[in-house]
Amino acid sequence: MLHDRLLVRTDTGEGERRSSGGIVIPATAAVGRRLEWAEVVAVGHNVRGVEVGDRVLYDPEDRAEVEVRGVAYLLMRERDLHAVAAERLQGSDDATGLYL
């Protein structure tokens, strides 16, 4: 990876989802802008706040897809992230492990 780029693997594929109440939401349903979570699999040498294995929150409309050895990944810049969730960010008992 070069510069401030991240290679991430999405947590869920395109398809139907379930709401917290158990209602099935089809993949074709129009929803507002919805952010998604992904797992970081590689980072560039200029990335400062993210490490491999962290979970990141991103906007799926600002993504570039790439396929490596038959597996689909997303390529993005560190500045395009909205949040980072990692165990290493939990410094005390009241910490959430989320860096916004």
PDB file of N, CA and C in Angstrom:
ATOM      1  N   MET A   1       0.842  -1.173   0.000  1.00  0.00           N
ATOM      2  CA  MET A   1       0.000   0.000   0.000  1.00  0.00           C
ATOM      3  C   MET A   1       0.892   1.243   0.000  1.00  0.00           C
ATOM      4  N   LEU A   2       0.450   2.247  -0.692  1.00  0.00           N
ATOM      5  CA  LEU A   2       1.215   3.482  -0.802  1.00  0.00           C
ATOM      6  C   LEU A   2       0.582   4.607   0.010  1.00  0.00           C
ATOM      7  N   HIS A   3       1.407   5.497   0.498  1.00  0.00           N
ATOM      8  CA  HIS A   3       1.025   6.760   1.131  1.00  0.00           C
ATOM      9  C   HIS A   3      -0.027   6.593   2.227  1.00  0.00           C
ATOM     10  N   ASP A   4      -1.174   7.260   2.087  1.00  0.00           N
ATOM     11  CA  ASP A   4      -2.203   7.247   3.137  1.00  0.00           C
ATOM     12  C   ASP A   4      -3.374   6.328   2.782  1.00  0.00           C
ATOM     13  N   ARG A   5      -3.110   5.308   1.997  1.00  0.00           N
ATOM     14  CA  ARG A   5      -4.169   4.413   1.530  1.00  0.00           C
ATOM     15  C   ARG A   5      -4.400   3.248   2.500  1.00  0.00           C
ATOM     16  N   LEU A   6      -5.662   2.786   2.515  1.00  0.00           N
ATOM     17  CA  LEU A   6      -6.069   1.621   3.318  1.00  0.00           C
ATOM     18  C   LEU A   6      -6.732   0.614   2.397  1.00  0.00           C
ATOM     19  N   LEU A   7      -6.505  -0.645   2.660  1.00  0.00           N
ATOM     20  CA  LEU A   7      -7.207  -1.723   1.974  1.00  0.00           C
ATOM     21  C   LEU A   7      -8.094  -2.382   3.015  1.00  0.00           C
ATOM     22  N   VAL A   8      -9.402  -2.407   2.773  1.00  0.00           N
ATOM     23  CA  VAL A   8     -10.343  -2.925   3.758  1.00  0.00           C
ATOM     24  C   VAL A   8     -11.246  -3.984   3.135  1.00  0.00           C
ATOM     25  N   ARG A   9     -11.745  -4.874   3.997  1.00  0.00           N
ATOM     26  CA  ARG A   9     -12.702  -5.911   3.594  1.00  0.00           C
ATOM     27  C   ARG A   9     -14.011  -5.604   4.296  1.00  0.00           C
ATOM     28  N   THR A  10     -15.095  -5.512   3.540  1.00  0.00           N
ATOM     29  CA  THR A  10     -16.383  -5.160   4.120  1.00  0.00           C
ATOM     30  C   THR A  10     -16.902  -6.280   5.010  1.00  0.00           C
ATOM     31  N   ASP A  11     -17.665  -5.890   6.028  1.00  0.00           N
ATOM     32  CA  ASP A  11     -18.228  -6.858   6.968  1.00  0.00           C
ATOM     33  C   ASP A  11     -19.398  -7.619   6.379  1.00  0.00           C
ATOM     34  N   THR A  12     -20.227  -6.952   5.609  1.00  0.00           N
ATOM     35  CA  THR A  12     -21.398  -7.593   5.032  1.00  0.00           C
ATOM     36  C   THR A  12     -21.435  -7.352   3.544  1.00  0.00           C
ATOM     37  N   GLY A  13     -22.024  -8.292   2.840  1.00  0.00           N
ATOM     38  CA  GLY A  13     -22.162  -8.146   1.403  1.00  0.00           C
ATOM     39  C   GLY A  13     -23.431  -7.412   1.058  1.00  0.00           C
ATOM     40  N   GLU A  14     -23.605  -7.174  -0.219  1.00  0.00           N
ATOM     41  CA  GLU A  14     -24.842  -6.549  -0.682  1.00  0.00           C
ATOM     42  C   GLU A  14     -25.934  -7.596  -0.576  1.00  0.00           C
ATOM     43  N   GLY A  15     -27.005  -7.264   0.038  1.00  0.00           N
ATOM     44  CA  GLY A  15     -28.115  -8.190   0.187  1.00  0.00           C
ATOM     45  C   GLY A  15     -29.088  -7.656   1.209  1.00  0.00           C
ATOM     46  N   GLU A  16     -30.050  -8.478   1.538  1.00  0.00           N
ATOM     47  CA  GLU A  16     -31.043  -8.008   2.489  1.00  0.00           C
ATOM     48  C   GLU A  16     -30.476  -7.942   3.894  1.00  0.00           C
ATOM     49  N   ARG A  17     -31.032  -7.014   4.678  1.00  0.00           N
ATOM     50  CA  ARG A  17     -30.616  -6.806   6.057  1.00  0.00           C
ATOM     51  C   ARG A  17     -31.829  -6.982   6.943  1.00  0.00           C
ATOM     52  N   ARG A  18     -31.588  -7.044   8.237  1.00  0.00           N
ATOM     53  CA  ARG A  18     -32.670  -7.090   9.228  1.00  0.00           C
ATOM     54  C   ARG A  18     -32.553  -5.872  10.130  1.00  0.00           C
ATOM     55  N   SER A  19     -33.696  -5.277  10.422  1.00  0.00           N
ATOM     56  CA  SER A  19     -33.712  -4.157  11.354  1.00  0.00           C
ATOM     57  C   SER A  19     -33.587  -4.705  12.774  1.00  0.00           C
ATOM     58  N   SER A  20     -33.411  -3.819  13.745  1.00  0.00           N
ATOM     59  CA  SER A  20     -33.297  -4.268  15.137  1.00  0.00           C
ATOM     60  C   SER A  20     -34.588  -4.915  15.619  1.00  0.00           C
ATOM     61  N   GLY A  21     -35.714  -4.608  14.979  1.00  0.00           N
ATOM     62  CA  GLY A  21     -36.998  -5.216  15.333  1.00  0.00           C
ATOM     63  C   GLY A  21     -37.265  -6.512  14.599  1.00  0.00           C
ATOM     64  N   GLY A  22     -36.348  -6.944  13.708  1.00  0.00           N
ATOM     65  CA  GLY A  22     -36.503  -8.202  12.994  1.00  0.00           C
ATOM     66  C   GLY A  22     -37.132  -8.073  11.629  1.00  0.00           C
ATOM     67  N   ILE A  23     -37.399  -6.866  11.174  1.00  0.00           N
ATOM     68  CA  ILE A  23     -38.008  -6.664   9.859  1.00  0.00           C
ATOM     69  C   ILE A  23     -36.941  -6.844   8.784  1.00  0.00           C
ATOM     70  N   VAL A  24     -37.256  -7.624   7.751  1.00  0.00           N
ATOM     71  CA  VAL A  24     -36.328  -7.862   6.644  1.00  0.00           C
ATOM     72  C   VAL A  24     -36.390  -6.670   5.691  1.00  0.00           C
ATOM     73  N   ILE A  25     -35.222  -6.097   5.404  1.00  0.00           N
ATOM     74  CA  ILE A  25     -35.118  -4.963   4.480  1.00  0.00           C
ATOM     75  C   ILE A  25     -34.438  -5.476   3.216  1.00  0.00           C
ATOM     76  N   PRO A  26     -35.143  -5.525   2.085  1.00  0.00           N
ATOM     77  CA  PRO A  26     -34.538  -6.061   0.856  1.00  0.00           C
ATOM     78  C   PRO A  26     -33.405  -5.181   0.344  1.00  0.00           C
ATOM     79  N   ALA A  27     -32.513  -5.771  -0.436  1.00  0.00           N
ATOM     80  CA  ALA A  27     -31.361  -5.048  -0.971  1.00  0.00           C
ATOM     81  C   ALA A  27     -31.784  -3.935  -1.917  1.00  0.00           C
ATOM     82  N   THR A  28     -32.968  -4.047  -2.508  1.00  0.00           N
ATOM     83  CA  THR A  28     -33.436  -3.033  -3.459  1.00  0.00           C
ATOM     84  C   THR A  28     -34.120  -1.856  -2.787  1.00  0.00           C
ATOM     85  N   ALA A  29     -34.309  -1.901  -1.473  1.00  0.00           N
ATOM     86  CA  ALA A  29     -34.986  -0.818  -0.758  1.00  0.00           C
ATOM     87  C   ALA A  29     -34.126   0.439  -0.773  1.00  0.00           C
ATOM     88  N   ALA A  30     -34.763   1.562  -1.043  1.00  0.00           N
ATOM     89  CA  ALA A  30     -34.048   2.846  -1.045  1.00  0.00           C
ATOM     90  C   ALA A  30     -33.954   3.353   0.392  1.00  0.00           C
ATOM     91  N   VAL A  31     -32.738   3.567   0.839  1.00  0.00           N
ATOM     92  CA  VAL A  31     -32.511   4.094   2.178  1.00  0.00           C
ATOM     93  C   VAL A  31     -31.656   5.342   2.059  1.00  0.00           C
ATOM     94  N   GLY A  32     -31.652   6.142   3.093  1.00  0.00           N
ATOM     95  CA  GLY A  32     -30.810   7.334   3.113  1.00  0.00           C
ATOM     96  C   GLY A  32     -29.344   6.959   3.166  1.00  0.00           C
ATOM     97  N   ARG A  33     -28.525   7.962   3.286  1.00  0.00           N
ATOM     98  CA  ARG A  33     -27.081   7.740   3.366  1.00  0.00           C
ATOM     99  C   ARG A  33     -26.765   6.916   4.602  1.00  0.00           C
ATOM    100  N   ARG A  34     -26.151   5.772   4.404  1.00  0.00           N
ATOM    101  CA  ARG A  34     -25.867   4.846   5.489  1.00  0.00           C
ATOM    102  C   ARG A  34     -24.374   4.498   5.475  1.00  0.00           C
ATOM    103  N   LEU A  35     -23.697   4.698   6.602  1.00  0.00           N
ATOM    104  CA  LEU A  35     -22.281   4.357   6.717  1.00  0.00           C
ATOM    105  C   LEU A  35     -22.141   2.866   6.992  1.00  0.00           C
ATOM    106  N   GLU A  36     -20.992   2.290   6.628  1.00  0.00           N
ATOM    107  CA  GLU A  36     -20.753   0.861   6.810  1.00  0.00           C
ATOM    108  C   GLU A  36     -19.436   0.628   7.534  1.00  0.00           C
ATOM    109  N   TRP A  37     -19.313  -0.562   8.148  1.00  0.00           N
ATOM    110  CA  TRP A  37     -18.096  -0.974   8.842  1.00  0.00           C
ATOM    111  C   TRP A  37     -17.291  -1.916   7.953  1.00  0.00           C
ATOM    112  N   ALA A  38     -15.974  -1.878   8.106  1.00  0.00           N
ATOM    113  CA  ALA A  38     -15.079  -2.767   7.373  1.00  0.00           C
ATOM    114  C   ALA A  38     -13.854  -3.054   8.234  1.00  0.00           C
ATOM    115  N   GLU A  39     -13.153  -4.137   7.905  1.00  0.00           N
ATOM    116  CA  GLU A  39     -11.926  -4.514   8.623  1.00  0.00           C
ATOM    117  C   GLU A  39     -10.711  -4.140   7.777  1.00  0.00           C
ATOM    118  N   VAL A  40      -9.724  -3.517   8.399  1.00  0.00           N
ATOM    119  CA  VAL A  40      -8.512  -3.085   7.705  1.00  0.00           C
ATOM    120  C   VAL A  40      -7.592  -4.294   7.512  1.00  0.00           C
ATOM    121  N   VAL A  41      -7.159  -4.527   6.261  1.00  0.00           N
ATOM    122  CA  VAL A  41      -6.266  -5.651   5.976  1.00  0.00           C
ATOM    123  C   VAL A  41      -4.862  -5.200   5.566  1.00  0.00           C
ATOM    124  N   ALA A  42      -4.712  -3.922   5.160  1.00  0.00           N
ATOM    125  CA  ALA A  42      -3.383  -3.393   4.820  1.00  0.00           C
ATOM    126  C   ALA A  42      -3.420  -1.872   4.928  1.00  0.00           C
ATOM    127  N   VAL A  43      -2.280  -1.280   5.303  1.00  0.00           N
ATOM    128  CA  VAL A  43      -2.180   0.176   5.431  1.00  0.00           C
ATOM    129  C   VAL A  43      -0.920   0.677   4.739  1.00  0.00           C
ATOM    130  N   GLY A  44      -0.986   1.908   4.228  1.00  0.00           N
ATOM    131  CA  GLY A  44       0.176   2.544   3.627  1.00  0.00           C
ATOM    132  C   GLY A  44       1.124   3.065   4.698  1.00  0.00           C
ATOM    133  N   HIS A  45       2.323   3.443   4.308  1.00  0.00           N
ATOM    134  CA  HIS A  45       3.341   3.852   5.287  1.00  0.00           C
ATOM    135  C   HIS A  45       3.075   5.220   5.903  1.00  0.00           C
ATOM    136  N   ASN A  46       2.187   6.042   5.333  1.00  0.00           N
ATOM    137  CA  ASN A  46       1.853   7.350   5.911  1.00  0.00           C
ATOM    138  C   ASN A  46       0.580   7.339   6.745  1.00  0.00           C
ATOM    139  N   VAL A  47      -0.023   6.185   6.948  1.00  0.00           N
ATOM    140  CA  VAL A  47      -1.237   6.086   7.765  1.00  0.00           C
ATOM    141  C   VAL A  47      -0.824   6.150   9.230  1.00  0.00           C
ATOM    142  N   ARG A  48      -1.477   7.052  10.006  1.00  0.00           N
ATOM    143  CA  ARG A  48      -1.061   7.266  11.385  1.00  0.00           C
ATOM    144  C   ARG A  48      -2.007   6.678  12.414  1.00  0.00           C
ATOM    145  N   GLY A  49      -3.326   6.758  12.197  1.00  0.00           N
ATOM    146  CA  GLY A  49      -4.272   6.405  13.244  1.00  0.00           C
ATOM    147  C   GLY A  49      -4.947   5.061  13.103  1.00  0.00           C
ATOM    148  N   VAL A  50      -4.543   4.269  12.129  1.00  0.00           N
ATOM    149  CA  VAL A  50      -5.213   2.995  11.865  1.00  0.00           C
ATOM    150  C   VAL A  50      -4.162   1.908  11.724  1.00  0.00           C
ATOM    151  N   GLU A  51      -4.467   0.720  12.250  1.00  0.00           N
ATOM    152  CA  GLU A  51      -3.587  -0.433  12.112  1.00  0.00           C
ATOM    153  C   GLU A  51      -4.354  -1.595  11.506  1.00  0.00           C
ATOM    154  N   VAL A  52      -3.622  -2.558  10.978  1.00  0.00           N
ATOM    155  CA  VAL A  52      -4.242  -3.766  10.429  1.00  0.00           C
ATOM    156  C   VAL A  52      -5.034  -4.462  11.537  1.00  0.00           C
ATOM    157  N   GLY A  53      -6.252  -4.862  11.216  1.00  0.00           N
ATOM    158  CA  GLY A  53      -7.115  -5.526  12.183  1.00  0.00           C
ATOM    159  C   GLY A  53      -8.153  -4.603  12.799  1.00  0.00           C
ATOM    160  N   ASP A  54      -7.971  -3.292  12.675  1.00  0.00           N
ATOM    161  CA  ASP A  54      -8.962  -2.338  13.192  1.00  0.00           C
ATOM    162  C   ASP A  54     -10.228  -2.393  12.338  1.00  0.00           C
ATOM    163  N   ARG A  55     -11.336  -1.993  12.933  1.00  0.00           N
ATOM    164  CA  ARG A  55     -12.591  -1.828  12.194  1.00  0.00           C
ATOM    165  C   ARG A  55     -12.799  -0.336  11.959  1.00  0.00           C
ATOM    166  N   VAL A  56     -13.187   0.015  10.745  1.00  0.00           N
ATOM    167  CA  VAL A  56     -13.354   1.417  10.392  1.00  0.00           C
ATOM    168  C   VAL A  56     -14.749   1.662   9.835  1.00  0.00           C
ATOM    169  N   LEU A  57     -15.252   2.864  10.074  1.00  0.00           N
ATOM    170  CA  LEU A  57     -16.557   3.293   9.574  1.00  0.00           C
ATOM    171  C   LEU A  57     -16.317   4.219   8.387  1.00  0.00           C
ATOM    172  N   TYR A  58     -16.980   3.946   7.258  1.00  0.00           N
ATOM    173  CA  TYR A  58     -16.747   4.710   6.040  1.00  0.00           C
ATOM    174  C   TYR A  58     -18.058   4.908   5.287  1.00  0.00           C
ATOM    175  N   ASP A  59     -18.044   5.812   4.335  1.00  0.00           N
ATOM    176  CA  ASP A  59     -19.190   6.074   3.472  1.00  0.00           C
ATOM    177  C   ASP A  59     -19.053   5.192   2.230  1.00  0.00           C
ATOM    178  N   PRO A  60     -19.995   4.285   1.983  1.00  0.00           N
ATOM    179  CA  PRO A  60     -19.863   3.371   0.845  1.00  0.00           C
ATOM    180  C   PRO A  60     -19.928   4.061  -0.515  1.00  0.00           C
ATOM    181  N   GLU A  61     -20.391   5.300  -0.570  1.00  0.00           N
ATOM    182  CA  GLU A  61     -20.421   6.017  -1.844  1.00  0.00           C
ATOM    183  C   GLU A  61     -19.036   6.522  -2.248  1.00  0.00           C
ATOM    184  N   ASP A  62     -18.116   6.632  -1.294  1.00  0.00           N
ATOM    185  CA  ASP A  62     -16.758   7.123  -1.565  1.00  0.00           C
ATOM    186  C   ASP A  62     -15.763   5.973  -1.593  1.00  0.00           C
ATOM    187  N   ARG A  63     -16.035   4.964  -2.378  1.00  0.00           N
ATOM    188  CA  ARG A  63     -15.164   3.793  -2.354  1.00  0.00           C
ATOM    189  C   ARG A  63     -14.666   3.439  -3.750  1.00  0.00           C
ATOM    190  N   ALA A  64     -13.533   2.756  -3.768  1.00  0.00           N
ATOM    191  CA  ALA A  64     -12.975   2.209  -4.996  1.00  0.00           C
ATOM    192  C   ALA A  64     -12.752   0.724  -4.747  1.00  0.00           C
ATOM    193  N   GLU A  65     -13.370  -0.114  -5.562  1.00  0.00           N
ATOM    194  CA  GLU A  65     -13.269  -1.555  -5.362  1.00  0.00           C
ATOM    195  C   GLU A  65     -12.099  -2.121  -6.151  1.00  0.00           C
ATOM    196  N   VAL A  66     -11.474  -3.144  -5.574  1.00  0.00           N
ATOM    197  CA  VAL A  66     -10.374  -3.838  -6.229  1.00  0.00           C
ATOM    198  C   VAL A  66     -10.479  -5.314  -5.864  1.00  0.00           C
ATOM    199  N   GLU A  67     -10.096  -6.177  -6.786  1.00  0.00           N
ATOM    200  CA  GLU A  67     -10.133  -7.615  -6.533  1.00  0.00           C
ATOM    201  C   GLU A  67      -8.699  -8.143  -6.494  1.00  0.00           C
ATOM    202  N   VAL A  68      -8.367  -8.836  -5.409  1.00  0.00           N
ATOM    203  CA  VAL A  68      -7.039  -9.413  -5.237  1.00  0.00           C
ATOM    204  C   VAL A  68      -7.210 -10.906  -4.975  1.00  0.00           C
ATOM    205  N   ARG A  69      -6.678 -11.727  -5.877  1.00  0.00           N
ATOM    206  CA  ARG A  69      -6.772 -13.190  -5.760  1.00  0.00           C
ATOM    207  C   ARG A  69      -8.206 -13.664  -5.546  1.00  0.00           C
ATOM    208  N   GLY A  70      -9.125 -13.057  -6.265  1.00  0.00           N
ATOM    209  CA  GLY A  70     -10.517 -13.468  -6.222  1.00  0.00           C
ATOM    210  C   GLY A  70     -11.324 -12.941  -5.053  1.00  0.00           C
ATOM    211  N   VAL A  71     -10.730 -12.107  -4.206  1.00  0.00           N
ATOM    212  CA  VAL A  71     -11.431 -11.531  -3.056  1.00  0.00           C
ATOM    213  C   VAL A  71     -11.608 -10.031  -3.304  1.00  0.00           C
ATOM    214  N   ALA A  72     -12.818  -9.536  -3.077  1.00  0.00           N
ATOM    215  CA  ALA A  72     -13.111  -8.110  -3.299  1.00  0.00           C
ATOM    216  C   ALA A  72     -12.740  -7.298  -2.063  1.00  0.00           C
ATOM    217  N   TYR A  73     -12.004  -6.219  -2.279  1.00  0.00           N
ATOM    218  CA  TYR A  73     -11.606  -5.286  -1.222  1.00  0.00           C
ATOM    219  C   TYR A  73     -11.987  -3.883  -1.641  1.00  0.00           C
ATOM    220  N   LEU A  74     -11.921  -2.958  -0.691  1.00  0.00           N
ATOM    221  CA  LEU A  74     -12.121  -1.545  -0.969  1.00  0.00           C
ATOM    222  C   LEU A  74     -10.822  -0.805  -0.701  1.00  0.00           C
ATOM    223  N   LEU A  75     -10.521   0.168  -1.523  1.00  0.00           N
ATOM    224  CA  LEU A  75      -9.324   0.989  -1.375  1.00  0.00           C
ATOM    225  C   LEU A  75      -9.780   2.405  -1.063  1.00  0.00           C
ATOM    226  N   MET A  76      -9.234   2.987  -0.001  1.00  0.00           N
ATOM    227  CA  MET A  76      -9.644   4.338   0.391  1.00  0.00           C
ATOM    228  C   MET A  76      -8.502   5.069   1.083  1.00  0.00           C
ATOM    229  N   ARG A  77      -8.678   6.366   1.251  1.00  0.00           N
ATOM    230  CA  ARG A  77      -7.712   7.190   1.970  1.00  0.00           C
ATOM    231  C   ARG A  77      -8.077   7.228   3.449  1.00  0.00           C
ATOM    232  N   GLU A  78      -7.079   7.451   4.288  1.00  0.00           N
ATOM    233  CA  GLU A  78      -7.317   7.530   5.729  1.00  0.00           C
ATOM    234  C   GLU A  78      -8.265   8.690   6.062  1.00  0.00           C
ATOM    235  N   ARG A  79      -8.174   9.779   5.349  1.00  0.00           N
ATOM    236  CA  ARG A  79      -9.018  10.944   5.638  1.00  0.00           C
ATOM    237  C   ARG A  79     -10.493  10.705   5.320  1.00  0.00           C
ATOM    238  N   ASP A  80     -10.823   9.648   4.571  1.00  0.00           N
ATOM    239  CA  ASP A  80     -12.209   9.338   4.237  1.00  0.00           C
ATOM    240  C   ASP A  80     -12.915   8.522   5.316  1.00  0.00           C
ATOM    241  N   LEU A  81     -12.211   8.169   6.381  1.00  0.00           N
ATOM    242  CA  LEU A  81     -12.810   7.385   7.460  1.00  0.00           C
ATOM    243  C   LEU A  81     -13.599   8.293   8.399  1.00  0.00           C
ATOM    244  N   HIS A  82     -14.664   7.743   8.972  1.00  0.00           N
ATOM    245  CA  HIS A  82     -15.480   8.491   9.925  1.00  0.00           C
ATOM    246  C   HIS A  82     -15.181   8.086  11.367  1.00  0.00           C
ATOM    247  N   ALA A  83     -14.735   6.829  11.582  1.00  0.00           N
ATOM    248  CA  ALA A  83     -14.428   6.356  12.934  1.00  0.00           C
ATOM    249  C   ALA A  83     -13.538   5.121  12.842  1.00  0.00           C
ATOM    250  N   VAL A  84     -12.799   4.861  13.931  1.00  0.00           N
ATOM    251  CA  VAL A  84     -11.963   3.669  14.051  1.00  0.00           C
ATOM    252  C   VAL A  84     -12.334   2.975  15.354  1.00  0.00           C
ATOM    253  N   ALA A  85     -12.584   1.677  15.292  1.00  0.00           N
ATOM    254  CA  ALA A  85     -12.890   0.893  16.490  1.00  0.00           C
ATOM    255  C   ALA A  85     -11.786  -0.147  16.656  1.00  0.00           C
ATOM    256  N   ALA A  86     -11.122  -0.127  17.842  1.00  0.00           N
ATOM    257  CA  ALA A  86     -10.024  -1.055  18.078  1.00  0.00           C
ATOM    258  C   ALA A  86      -9.864  -1.305  19.567  1.00  0.00           C
ATOM    259  N   GLU A  87      -9.476  -2.512  19.922  1.00  0.00           N
ATOM    260  CA  GLU A  87      -9.225  -2.856  21.318  1.00  0.00           C
ATOM    261  C   GLU A  87      -8.099  -2.010  21.900  1.00  0.00           C
ATOM    262  N   ARG A  88      -7.101  -1.666  21.108  1.00  0.00           N
ATOM    263  CA  ARG A  88      -5.943  -0.918  21.608  1.00  0.00           C
ATOM    264  C   ARG A  88      -6.303   0.507  22.010  1.00  0.00           C
ATOM    265  N   LEU A  89      -7.462   1.006  21.571  1.00  0.00           N
ATOM    266  CA  LEU A  89      -7.888   2.357  21.907  1.00  0.00           C
ATOM    267  C   LEU A  89      -8.588   2.428  23.251  1.00  0.00           C
ATOM    268  N   GLN A  90      -8.814   1.288  23.893  1.00  0.00           N
ATOM    269  CA  GLN A  90      -9.462   1.283  25.202  1.00  0.00           C
ATOM    270  C   GLN A  90      -8.408   1.505  26.272  1.00  0.00           C
ATOM    271  N   GLY A  91      -8.298   2.744  26.749  1.00  0.00           N
ATOM    272  CA  GLY A  91      -7.278   3.098  27.723  1.00  0.00           C
ATOM    273  C   GLY A  91      -7.720   2.921  29.162  1.00  0.00           C
ATOM    274  N   SER A  92      -9.012   2.997  29.419  1.00  0.00           N
ATOM    275  CA  SER A  92      -9.512   2.870  30.792  1.00  0.00           C
ATOM    276  C   SER A  92     -10.837   2.113  30.783  1.00  0.00           C
ATOM    277  N   ASP A  93     -11.399   1.939  31.971  1.00  0.00           N
ATOM    278  CA  ASP A  93     -12.644   1.177  32.076  1.00  0.00           C
ATOM    279  C   ASP A  93     -13.827   1.858  31.420  1.00  0.00           C
ATOM    280  N   ASP A  94     -13.829   3.195  31.326  1.00  0.00           N
ATOM    281  CA  ASP A  94     -14.957   3.903  30.740  1.00  0.00           C
ATOM    282  C   ASP A  94     -14.788   4.172  29.242  1.00  0.00           C
ATOM    283  N   ALA A  95     -13.689   3.717  28.635  1.00  0.00           N
ATOM    284  CA  ALA A  95     -13.460   3.939  27.216  1.00  0.00           C
ATOM    285  C   ALA A  95     -14.305   2.985  26.377  1.00  0.00           C
ATOM    286  N   THR A  96     -14.706   3.468  25.203  1.00  0.00           N
ATOM    287  CA  THR A  96     -15.534   2.659  24.309  1.00  0.00           C
ATOM    288  C   THR A  96     -14.728   1.907  23.280  1.00  0.00           C
ATOM    289  N   GLY A  97     -13.478   2.302  23.073  1.00  0.00           N
ATOM    290  CA  GLY A  97     -12.665   1.688  22.038  1.00  0.00           C
ATOM    291  C   GLY A  97     -12.932   2.296  20.674  1.00  0.00           C
ATOM    292  N   LEU A  98     -13.684   3.389  20.648  1.00  0.00           N
ATOM    293  CA  LEU A  98     -14.021   4.053  19.401  1.00  0.00           C
ATOM    294  C   LEU A  98     -13.281   5.372  19.330  1.00  0.00           C
ATOM    295  N   TYR A  99     -12.646   5.626  18.214  1.00  0.00           N
ATOM    296  CA  TYR A  99     -11.937   6.889  17.997  1.00  0.00           C
ATOM    297  C   TYR A  99     -12.655   7.601  16.867  1.00  0.00           C
ATOM    298  N   LEU A 100     -13.319   8.719  17.164  1.00  0.00           N
ATOM    299  CA  LEU A 100     -14.092   9.466  16.162  1.00  0.00           C
ATOM    300  C   LEU A 100     -13.321  10.695  15.723  1.00  0.00           C
TER     301      LEU A 100
END
